[in-house]
Full PDB file with SEQRES, HELIX, SHEET, SSBOND, CRYST1, ORIGX, SCALE, CONECT and MASTER records, all heavy atoms in Angstrom:
SEQRES   1 A   40  PHE GLY GLY PHE THR ALA ALA ALA GLN VAL GLY ALA GLY          
SEQRES   2 A   40  GLY ALA THR SER ALA SER GLU THR VAL VAL THR GLY GLY          
SEQRES   3 A   40  ALA GLN ALA GLU GLY LYS SER PHE GLY LEU SER GLY ILE          
SEQRES   4 A   40  TYR                                                          
SHEET    1 AA1 2 THR A   5  GLY A  11  0                                        
SHEET    2 AA1 2 SER A  33  ILE A  39 -1                                        
CRYST1    1.000    1.000    1.000  90.00  90.00  90.00 P 1           1          
ORIGX1      1.000000  0.000000  0.000000        0.00000                         
ORIGX2      0.000000  1.000000  0.000000        0.00000                         
ORIGX3      0.000000  0.000000  1.000000        0.00000                         
SCALE1      1.000000  0.000000  0.000000        0.00000                         
SCALE2      0.000000  1.000000  0.000000        0.00000                         
SCALE3      0.000000  0.000000  1.000000        0.00000                         
ATOM      1  N   PHE A   1       4.813  15.281 -17.988  1.00  0.00           N  
ATOM      2  CA  PHE A   1       4.077  16.118 -18.963  1.00  0.00           C  
ATOM      3  C   PHE A   1       4.407  17.598 -18.689  1.00  0.00           C  
ATOM      4  O   PHE A   1       3.771  18.195 -17.828  1.00  0.00           O  
ATOM      5  CB  PHE A   1       2.606  15.833 -18.813  1.00  0.00           C  
ATOM      6  CG  PHE A   1       2.136  14.459 -19.091  1.00  0.00           C  
ATOM      7  CD1 PHE A   1       1.915  13.577 -18.015  1.00  0.00           C  
ATOM      8  CD2 PHE A   1       2.003  13.971 -20.383  1.00  0.00           C  
ATOM      9  CE1 PHE A   1       1.513  12.270 -18.258  1.00  0.00           C  
ATOM     10  CE2 PHE A   1       1.598  12.694 -20.618  1.00  0.00           C  
ATOM     11  CZ  PHE A   1       1.359  11.807 -19.546  1.00  0.00           C  
ATOM     12  N   GLY A   2       5.444  18.112 -19.288  1.00  0.00           N  
ATOM     13  CA  GLY A   2       5.851  19.446 -19.070  1.00  0.00           C  
ATOM     14  C   GLY A   2       6.308  19.719 -17.636  1.00  0.00           C  
ATOM     15  O   GLY A   2       6.081  20.832 -17.138  1.00  0.00           O  
ATOM     16  N   GLY A   3       6.847  18.726 -16.994  1.00  0.00           N  
ATOM     17  CA  GLY A   3       7.286  18.846 -15.652  1.00  0.00           C  
ATOM     18  C   GLY A   3       6.392  18.305 -14.578  1.00  0.00           C  
ATOM     19  O   GLY A   3       6.726  18.183 -13.421  1.00  0.00           O  
ATOM     20  N   PHE A   4       5.164  17.872 -15.030  1.00  0.00           N  
ATOM     21  CA  PHE A   4       4.171  17.299 -14.052  1.00  0.00           C  
ATOM     22  C   PHE A   4       4.181  15.788 -14.137  1.00  0.00           C  
ATOM     23  O   PHE A   4       4.116  15.212 -15.266  1.00  0.00           O  
ATOM     24  CB  PHE A   4       2.793  17.794 -14.337  1.00  0.00           C  
ATOM     25  CG  PHE A   4       1.730  17.193 -13.482  1.00  0.00           C  
ATOM     26  CD1 PHE A   4       1.513  17.617 -12.157  1.00  0.00           C  
ATOM     27  CD2 PHE A   4       0.916  16.128 -13.940  1.00  0.00           C  
ATOM     28  CE1 PHE A   4       0.563  17.037 -11.340  1.00  0.00           C  
ATOM     29  CE2 PHE A   4       0.011  15.534 -13.158  1.00  0.00           C  
ATOM     30  CZ  PHE A   4      -0.235  15.987 -11.850  1.00  0.00           C  
ATOM     31  N   THR A   5       4.296  15.180 -12.986  1.00  0.00           N  
ATOM     32  CA  THR A   5       4.142  13.694 -12.910  1.00  0.00           C  
ATOM     33  C   THR A   5       3.137  13.316 -11.866  1.00  0.00           C  
ATOM     34  O   THR A   5       2.976  14.010 -10.842  1.00  0.00           O  
ATOM     35  CB  THR A   5       5.469  12.996 -12.588  1.00  0.00           C  
ATOM     36  OG1 THR A   5       5.967  13.560 -11.298  1.00  0.00           O  
ATOM     37  CG2 THR A   5       6.527  13.231 -13.621  1.00  0.00           C  
ATOM     38  N   ALA A   6       2.409  12.183 -12.106  1.00  0.00           N  
ATOM     39  CA  ALA A   6       1.432  11.726 -11.141  1.00  0.00           C  
ATOM     40  C   ALA A   6       1.732  10.260 -10.722  1.00  0.00           C  
ATOM     41  O   ALA A   6       2.392   9.554 -11.491  1.00  0.00           O  
ATOM     42  CB  ALA A   6       0.022  11.799 -11.746  1.00  0.00           C  
ATOM     43  N   ALA A   7       1.290   9.883  -9.553  1.00  0.00           N  
ATOM     44  CA  ALA A   7       1.524   8.538  -9.118  1.00  0.00           C  
ATOM     45  C   ALA A   7       0.299   8.005  -8.336  1.00  0.00           C  
ATOM     46  O   ALA A   7      -0.425   8.801  -7.706  1.00  0.00           O  
ATOM     47  CB  ALA A   7       2.724   8.479  -8.139  1.00  0.00           C  
ATOM     48  N   ALA A   8       0.040   6.724  -8.453  1.00  0.00           N  
ATOM     49  CA  ALA A   8      -1.045   6.068  -7.771  1.00  0.00           C  
ATOM     50  C   ALA A   8      -0.527   4.752  -7.258  1.00  0.00           C  
ATOM     51  O   ALA A   8       0.236   4.011  -7.916  1.00  0.00           O  
ATOM     52  CB  ALA A   8      -2.232   5.848  -8.718  1.00  0.00           C  
ATOM     53  N   GLN A   9      -0.939   4.425  -5.977  1.00  0.00           N  
ATOM     54  CA  GLN A   9      -0.418   3.205  -5.369  1.00  0.00           C  
ATOM     55  C   GLN A   9      -1.487   2.493  -4.537  1.00  0.00           C  
ATOM     56  O   GLN A   9      -2.261   3.196  -3.867  1.00  0.00           O  
ATOM     57  CB  GLN A   9       0.804   3.559  -4.461  1.00  0.00           C  
ATOM     58  CG  GLN A   9       1.461   2.366  -3.817  1.00  0.00           C  
ATOM     59  CD  GLN A   9       2.601   2.772  -2.921  1.00  0.00           C  
ATOM     60  OE1 GLN A   9       2.451   2.795  -1.727  1.00  0.00           O  
ATOM     61  NE2 GLN A   9       3.745   3.193  -3.473  1.00  0.00           N  
ATOM     62  N   VAL A  10      -1.480   1.180  -4.623  1.00  0.00           N  
ATOM     63  CA  VAL A  10      -2.354   0.354  -3.786  1.00  0.00           C  
ATOM     64  C   VAL A  10      -1.485  -0.675  -3.056  1.00  0.00           C  
ATOM     65  O   VAL A  10      -0.690  -1.342  -3.727  1.00  0.00           O  
ATOM     66  CB  VAL A  10      -3.442  -0.367  -4.687  1.00  0.00           C  
ATOM     67  CG1 VAL A  10      -4.310  -1.280  -3.761  1.00  0.00           C  
ATOM     68  CG2 VAL A  10      -4.302   0.643  -5.325  1.00  0.00           C  
ATOM     69  N   GLY A  11      -1.657  -0.760  -1.743  1.00  0.00           N  
ATOM     70  CA  GLY A  11      -0.842  -1.692  -0.977  1.00  0.00           C  
ATOM     71  C   GLY A  11      -1.699  -2.614  -0.156  1.00  0.00           C  
ATOM     72  O   GLY A  11      -2.714  -2.193   0.442  1.00  0.00           O  
ATOM     73  N   ALA A  12      -1.349  -3.925  -0.154  1.00  0.00           N  
ATOM     74  CA  ALA A  12      -2.147  -4.875   0.611  1.00  0.00           C  
ATOM     75  C   ALA A  12      -1.642  -4.954   2.069  1.00  0.00           C  
ATOM     76  O   ALA A  12      -2.341  -5.597   2.894  1.00  0.00           O  
ATOM     77  CB  ALA A  12      -2.045  -6.234  -0.006  1.00  0.00           C  
ATOM     78  N   GLY A  13      -0.551  -4.367   2.387  1.00  0.00           N  
ATOM     79  CA  GLY A  13      -0.028  -4.377   3.733  1.00  0.00           C  
ATOM     80  C   GLY A  13       0.850  -5.619   3.942  1.00  0.00           C  
ATOM     81  O   GLY A  13       0.786  -6.594   3.268  1.00  0.00           O  
ATOM     82  N   GLY A  14       1.693  -5.523   5.039  1.00  0.00           N  
ATOM     83  CA  GLY A  14       2.545  -6.646   5.340  1.00  0.00           C  
ATOM     84  C   GLY A  14       1.838  -7.643   6.266  1.00  0.00           C  
ATOM     85  O   GLY A  14       0.931  -7.308   7.022  1.00  0.00           O  
ATOM     86  N   ALA A  15       2.328  -8.869   6.248  1.00  0.00           N  
ATOM     87  CA  ALA A  15       1.762  -9.915   7.110  1.00  0.00           C  
ATOM     88  C   ALA A  15       2.571 -10.031   8.341  1.00  0.00           C  
ATOM     89  O   ALA A  15       3.596  -9.336   8.549  1.00  0.00           O  
ATOM     90  CB  ALA A  15       1.744 -11.240   6.349  1.00  0.00           C  
ATOM     91  N   THR A  16       2.172 -10.934   9.267  1.00  0.00           N  
ATOM     92  CA  THR A  16       2.848 -11.063  10.525  1.00  0.00           C  
ATOM     93  C   THR A  16       4.042 -11.995  10.438  1.00  0.00           C  
ATOM     94  O   THR A  16       4.781 -12.145  11.394  1.00  0.00           O  
ATOM     95  CB  THR A  16       1.866 -11.626  11.591  1.00  0.00           C  
ATOM     96  OG1 THR A  16       1.307 -12.849  11.009  1.00  0.00           O  
ATOM     97  CG2 THR A  16       0.759 -10.621  11.827  1.00  0.00           C  
ATOM     98  N   SER A  17       4.245 -12.665   9.303  1.00  0.00           N  
ATOM     99  CA  SER A  17       5.408 -13.540   9.183  1.00  0.00           C  
ATOM    100  C   SER A  17       5.735 -13.654   7.682  1.00  0.00           C  
ATOM    101  O   SER A  17       5.005 -13.215   6.833  1.00  0.00           O  
ATOM    102  CB  SER A  17       5.118 -14.929   9.736  1.00  0.00           C  
ATOM    103  OG  SER A  17       4.158 -15.607   8.925  1.00  0.00           O  
ATOM    104  N   ALA A  18       6.944 -14.239   7.447  1.00  0.00           N  
ATOM    105  CA  ALA A  18       7.339 -14.378   6.080  1.00  0.00           C  
ATOM    106  C   ALA A  18       6.410 -15.296   5.238  1.00  0.00           C  
ATOM    107  O   ALA A  18       6.449 -15.293   4.014  1.00  0.00           O  
ATOM    108  CB  ALA A  18       8.779 -14.924   6.011  1.00  0.00           C  
ATOM    109  N   SER A  19       5.598 -16.077   5.912  1.00  0.00           N  
ATOM    110  CA  SER A  19       4.689 -16.970   5.226  1.00  0.00           C  
ATOM    111  C   SER A  19       3.441 -16.259   4.677  1.00  0.00           C  
ATOM    112  O   SER A  19       2.570 -16.848   4.114  1.00  0.00           O  
ATOM    113  CB  SER A  19       4.225 -18.172   6.115  1.00  0.00           C  
ATOM    114  OG  SER A  19       3.556 -17.646   7.247  1.00  0.00           O  
ATOM    115  N   GLU A  20       3.415 -14.918   4.949  1.00  0.00           N  
ATOM    116  CA  GLU A  20       2.317 -14.061   4.459  1.00  0.00           C  
ATOM    117  C   GLU A  20       0.997 -14.406   5.103  1.00  0.00           C  
ATOM    118  O   GLU A  20      -0.091 -14.248   4.516  1.00  0.00           O  
ATOM    119  CB  GLU A  20       2.151 -14.163   2.938  1.00  0.00           C  
ATOM    120  CG  GLU A  20       3.307 -13.530   2.179  1.00  0.00           C  
ATOM    121  CD  GLU A  20       3.524 -12.034   2.419  1.00  0.00           C  
ATOM    122  OE1 GLU A  20       2.510 -11.376   2.556  1.00  0.00           O  
ATOM    123  OE2 GLU A  20       4.655 -11.632   2.520  1.00  0.00           O  
ATOM    124  N   THR A  21       1.014 -14.958   6.298  1.00  0.00           N  
ATOM    125  CA  THR A  21      -0.251 -15.190   7.059  1.00  0.00           C  
ATOM    126  C   THR A  21      -0.698 -13.835   7.584  1.00  0.00           C  
ATOM    127  O   THR A  21       0.039 -12.904   7.689  1.00  0.00           O  
ATOM    128  CB  THR A  21      -0.030 -16.110   8.268  1.00  0.00           C  
ATOM    129  OG1 THR A  21       1.015 -15.583   9.107  1.00  0.00           O  
ATOM    130  CG2 THR A  21       0.364 -17.496   7.785  1.00  0.00           C  
ATOM    131  N   VAL A  22      -2.019 -13.744   7.884  1.00  0.00           N  
ATOM    132  CA  VAL A  22      -2.575 -12.470   8.361  1.00  0.00           C  
ATOM    133  C   VAL A  22      -2.996 -12.628   9.814  1.00  0.00           C  
ATOM    134  O   VAL A  22      -3.020 -13.702  10.381  1.00  0.00           O  
ATOM    135  CB  VAL A  22      -3.770 -12.098   7.555  1.00  0.00           C  
ATOM    136  CG1 VAL A  22      -3.380 -11.846   6.093  1.00  0.00           C  
ATOM    137  CG2 VAL A  22      -4.864 -13.155   7.589  1.00  0.00           C  
ATOM    138  N   VAL A  23      -3.171 -11.446  10.507  1.00  0.00           N  
ATOM    139  CA  VAL A  23      -3.562 -11.516  11.892  1.00  0.00           C  
ATOM    140  C   VAL A  23      -4.984 -11.882  12.010  1.00  0.00           C  
ATOM    141  O   VAL A  23      -5.787 -11.957  11.079  1.00  0.00           O  
ATOM    142  CB  VAL A  23      -3.330 -10.126  12.515  1.00  0.00           C  
ATOM    143  CG1 VAL A  23      -1.842  -9.809  12.469  1.00  0.00           C  
ATOM    144  CG2 VAL A  23      -4.120  -9.024  11.817  1.00  0.00           C  
ATOM    145  N   THR A  24      -5.459 -12.116  13.285  1.00  0.00           N  
ATOM    146  CA  THR A  24      -6.782 -12.495  13.582  1.00  0.00           C  
ATOM    147  C   THR A  24      -7.805 -11.543  12.956  1.00  0.00           C  
ATOM    148  O   THR A  24      -7.688 -10.343  13.115  1.00  0.00           O  
ATOM    149  CB  THR A  24      -7.011 -12.595  15.101  1.00  0.00           C  
ATOM    150  OG1 THR A  24      -6.058 -13.474  15.640  1.00  0.00           O  
ATOM    151  CG2 THR A  24      -8.412 -13.086  15.419  1.00  0.00           C  
ATOM    152  N   GLY A  25      -8.776 -12.124  12.311  1.00  0.00           N  
ATOM    153  CA  GLY A  25      -9.844 -11.303  11.650  1.00  0.00           C  
ATOM    154  C   GLY A  25      -9.587 -11.021  10.219  1.00  0.00           C  
ATOM    155  O   GLY A  25     -10.395 -10.388   9.542  1.00  0.00           O  
ATOM    156  N   GLY A  26      -8.419 -11.455   9.704  1.00  0.00           N  
ATOM    157  CA  GLY A  26      -8.181 -11.339   8.305  1.00  0.00           C  
ATOM    158  C   GLY A  26      -7.570 -10.017   7.833  1.00  0.00           C  
ATOM    159  O   GLY A  26      -7.503  -9.731   6.665  1.00  0.00           O  
ATOM    160  N   ALA A  27      -7.076  -9.216   8.802  1.00  0.00           N  
ATOM    161  CA  ALA A  27      -6.516  -7.890   8.438  1.00  0.00           C  
ATOM    162  C   ALA A  27      -5.042  -7.981   8.445  1.00  0.00           C  
ATOM    163  O   ALA A  27      -4.428  -8.720   9.193  1.00  0.00           O  
ATOM    164  CB  ALA A  27      -6.966  -6.859   9.504  1.00  0.00           C  
ATOM    165  N   GLN A  28      -4.414  -7.312   7.448  1.00  0.00           N  
ATOM    166  CA  GLN A  28      -2.977  -7.304   7.367  1.00  0.00           C  
ATOM    167  C   GLN A  28      -2.332  -6.509   8.490  1.00  0.00           C  
ATOM    168  O   GLN A  28      -2.947  -5.515   8.946  1.00  0.00           O  
ATOM    169  CB  GLN A  28      -2.517  -6.719   6.007  1.00  0.00           C  
ATOM    170  CG  GLN A  28      -2.955  -7.541   4.824  1.00  0.00           C  
ATOM    171  CD  GLN A  28      -2.206  -8.916   4.742  1.00  0.00           C  
ATOM    172  OE1 GLN A  28      -2.504  -9.780   5.539  1.00  0.00           O  
ATOM    173  NE2 GLN A  28      -1.323  -9.031   3.870  1.00  0.00           N  
ATOM    174  N   ALA A  29      -1.197  -6.921   8.972  1.00  0.00           N  
ATOM    175  CA  ALA A  29      -0.547  -6.318  10.111  1.00  0.00           C  
ATOM    176  C   ALA A  29      -0.271  -4.825   9.892  1.00  0.00           C  
ATOM    177  O   ALA A  29      -0.373  -4.038  10.789  1.00  0.00           O  
ATOM    178  CB  ALA A  29       0.716  -7.035  10.463  1.00  0.00           C  
ATOM    179  N   GLU A  30       0.154  -4.480   8.689  1.00  0.00           N  
ATOM    180  CA  GLU A  30       0.506  -3.062   8.402  1.00  0.00           C  
ATOM    181  C   GLU A  30      -0.673  -2.238   7.952  1.00  0.00           C  
ATOM    182  O   GLU A  30      -0.553  -1.006   7.850  1.00  0.00           O  
ATOM    183  CB  GLU A  30       1.654  -3.016   7.391  1.00  0.00           C  
ATOM    184  CG  GLU A  30       2.926  -3.500   7.934  1.00  0.00           C  
ATOM    185  CD  GLU A  30       4.018  -3.456   6.869  1.00  0.00           C  
ATOM    186  OE1 GLU A  30       3.795  -2.841   5.776  1.00  0.00           O  
ATOM    187  OE2 GLU A  30       5.111  -4.059   7.021  1.00  0.00           O  
ATOM    188  N   GLY A  31      -1.758  -2.850   7.607  1.00  0.00           N  
ATOM    189  CA  GLY A  31      -2.921  -2.106   7.052  1.00  0.00           C  
ATOM    190  C   GLY A  31      -2.852  -1.982   5.563  1.00  0.00           C  
ATOM    191  O   GLY A  31      -1.802  -1.958   4.912  1.00  0.00           O  
ATOM    192  N   LYS A  32      -4.049  -1.954   4.953  1.00  0.00           N  
ATOM    193  CA  LYS A  32      -4.133  -1.772   3.519  1.00  0.00           C  
ATOM    194  C   LYS A  32      -4.096  -0.290   3.159  1.00  0.00           C  
ATOM    195  O   LYS A  32      -4.673   0.506   3.900  1.00  0.00           O  
ATOM    196  CB  LYS A  32      -5.440  -2.387   3.021  1.00  0.00           C  
ATOM    197  CG  LYS A  32      -5.591  -3.896   3.295  1.00  0.00           C  
ATOM    198  CD  LYS A  32      -6.885  -4.440   2.903  1.00  0.00           C  
ATOM    199  CE  LYS A  32      -6.991  -5.936   3.233  1.00  0.00           C  
ATOM    200  NZ  LYS A  32      -8.319  -6.490   2.855  1.00  0.00           N  
ATOM    201  N   SER A  33      -3.375   0.045   2.121  1.00  0.00           N  
ATOM    202  CA  SER A  33      -3.153   1.465   1.876  1.00  0.00           C  
ATOM    203  C   SER A  33      -3.504   1.842   0.410  1.00  0.00           C  
ATOM    204  O   SER A  33      -3.516   0.985  -0.503  1.00  0.00           O  
ATOM    205  CB  SER A  33      -1.661   1.831   2.112  1.00  0.00           C  
ATOM    206  OG  SER A  33      -0.828   1.133   1.212  1.00  0.00           O  
ATOM    207  N   PHE A  34      -3.835   3.138   0.267  1.00  0.00           N  
ATOM    208  CA  PHE A  34      -4.140   3.717  -1.048  1.00  0.00           C  
ATOM    209  C   PHE A  34      -3.559   5.121  -1.105  1.00  0.00           C  
ATOM    210  O   PHE A  34      -3.754   5.855  -0.149  1.00  0.00           O  
ATOM    211  CB  PHE A  34      -5.603   3.719  -1.321  1.00  0.00           C  
ATOM    212  CG  PHE A  34      -5.962   4.488  -2.569  1.00  0.00           C  
ATOM    213  CD1 PHE A  34      -5.744   3.924  -3.819  1.00  0.00           C  
ATOM    214  CD2 PHE A  34      -6.551   5.745  -2.528  1.00  0.00           C  
ATOM    215  CE1 PHE A  34      -6.043   4.664  -4.980  1.00  0.00           C  
ATOM    216  CE2 PHE A  34      -6.867   6.424  -3.672  1.00  0.00           C  
ATOM    217  CZ  PHE A  34      -6.590   5.920  -4.893  1.00  0.00           C  
ATOM    218  N   GLY A  35      -2.811   5.470  -2.130  1.00  0.00           N  
ATOM    219  CA  GLY A  35      -2.200   6.751  -2.201  1.00  0.00           C  
ATOM    220  C   GLY A  35      -2.190   7.356  -3.604  1.00  0.00           C  
ATOM    221  O   GLY A  35      -2.147   6.637  -4.610  1.00  0.00           O  
ATOM    222  N   LEU A  36      -2.249   8.678  -3.617  1.00  0.00           N  
ATOM    223  CA  LEU A  36      -2.199   9.429  -4.858  1.00  0.00           C  
ATOM    224  C   LEU A  36      -1.240  10.668  -4.676  1.00  0.00           C  
ATOM    225  O   LEU A  36      -1.177  11.223  -3.590  1.00  0.00           O  
ATOM    226  CB  LEU A  36      -3.583  10.010  -5.294  1.00  0.00           C  
ATOM    227  CG  LEU A  36      -4.624   8.976  -5.681  1.00  0.00           C  
ATOM    228  CD1 LEU A  36      -5.976   9.661  -5.796  1.00  0.00           C  
ATOM    229  CD2 LEU A  36      -4.274   8.246  -6.974  1.00  0.00           C  
ATOM    230  N   SER A  37      -0.575  11.041  -5.741  1.00  0.00           N  
ATOM    231  CA  SER A  37       0.225  12.270  -5.629  1.00  0.00           C  
ATOM    232  C   SER A  37       0.405  12.893  -7.030  1.00  0.00           C  
ATOM    233  O   SER A  37       0.293  12.192  -8.043  1.00  0.00           O  
ATOM    234  CB  SER A  37       1.593  11.960  -5.037  1.00  0.00           C  
ATOM    235  OG  SER A  37       2.415  11.242  -6.011  1.00  0.00           O  
ATOM    236  N   GLY A  38       0.707  14.203  -6.996  1.00  0.00           N  
ATOM    237  CA  GLY A  38       1.028  14.895  -8.185  1.00  0.00           C  
ATOM    238  C   GLY A  38       2.172  15.885  -7.830  1.00  0.00           C  
ATOM    239  O   GLY A  38       2.076  16.548  -6.841  1.00  0.00           O  
ATOM    240  N   ILE A  39       3.215  15.904  -8.662  1.00  0.00           N  
ATOM    241  CA  ILE A  39       4.347  16.775  -8.461  1.00  0.00           C  
ATOM    242  C   ILE A  39       4.703  17.518  -9.682  1.00  0.00           C  
ATOM    243  O   ILE A  39       4.822  16.899 -10.789  1.00  0.00           O  
ATOM    244  CB  ILE A  39       5.598  15.975  -7.956  1.00  0.00           C  
ATOM    245  CG1 ILE A  39       5.334  15.290  -6.583  1.00  0.00           C  
ATOM    246  CG2 ILE A  39       6.788  16.915  -7.834  1.00  0.00           C  
ATOM    247  CD1 ILE A  39       6.498  14.461  -6.104  1.00  0.00           C  
ATOM    248  N   TYR A  40       4.832  18.845  -9.575  1.00  0.00           N  
ATOM    249  CA  TYR A  40       5.320  19.692 -10.693  1.00  0.00           C  
ATOM    250  C   TYR A  40       6.687  20.171 -10.371  1.00  0.00           C  
ATOM    251  O   TYR A  40       6.926  20.765  -9.316  1.00  0.00           O  
ATOM    252  CB  TYR A  40       4.344  20.823 -10.905  1.00  0.00           C  
ATOM    253  CG  TYR A  40       4.809  21.809 -11.971  1.00  0.00           C  
ATOM    254  CD1 TYR A  40       4.640  21.507 -13.334  1.00  0.00           C  
ATOM    255  CD2 TYR A  40       5.527  22.988 -11.629  1.00  0.00           C  
ATOM    256  CE1 TYR A  40       5.075  22.379 -14.357  1.00  0.00           C  
ATOM    257  CE2 TYR A  40       5.947  23.831 -12.632  1.00  0.00           C  
ATOM    258  CZ  TYR A  40       5.763  23.522 -13.958  1.00  0.00           C  
ATOM    259  OH  TYR A  40       6.226  24.385 -14.962  1.00  0.00           O  
TER     260      TYR A  40                                                      
MASTER        0    0    0    0    2    0    0    6  259    1    0    4          
END                                                                             
């Protein structure tokens, strides 16, 4: 928009193996993430 762009992201995090299992306690190995940005 006239040179301005915005982004939003939600991440569930990576698991401990390719089978997408989670670590003890139900938390993802990499952590759940949320991000926002604006660039002009």
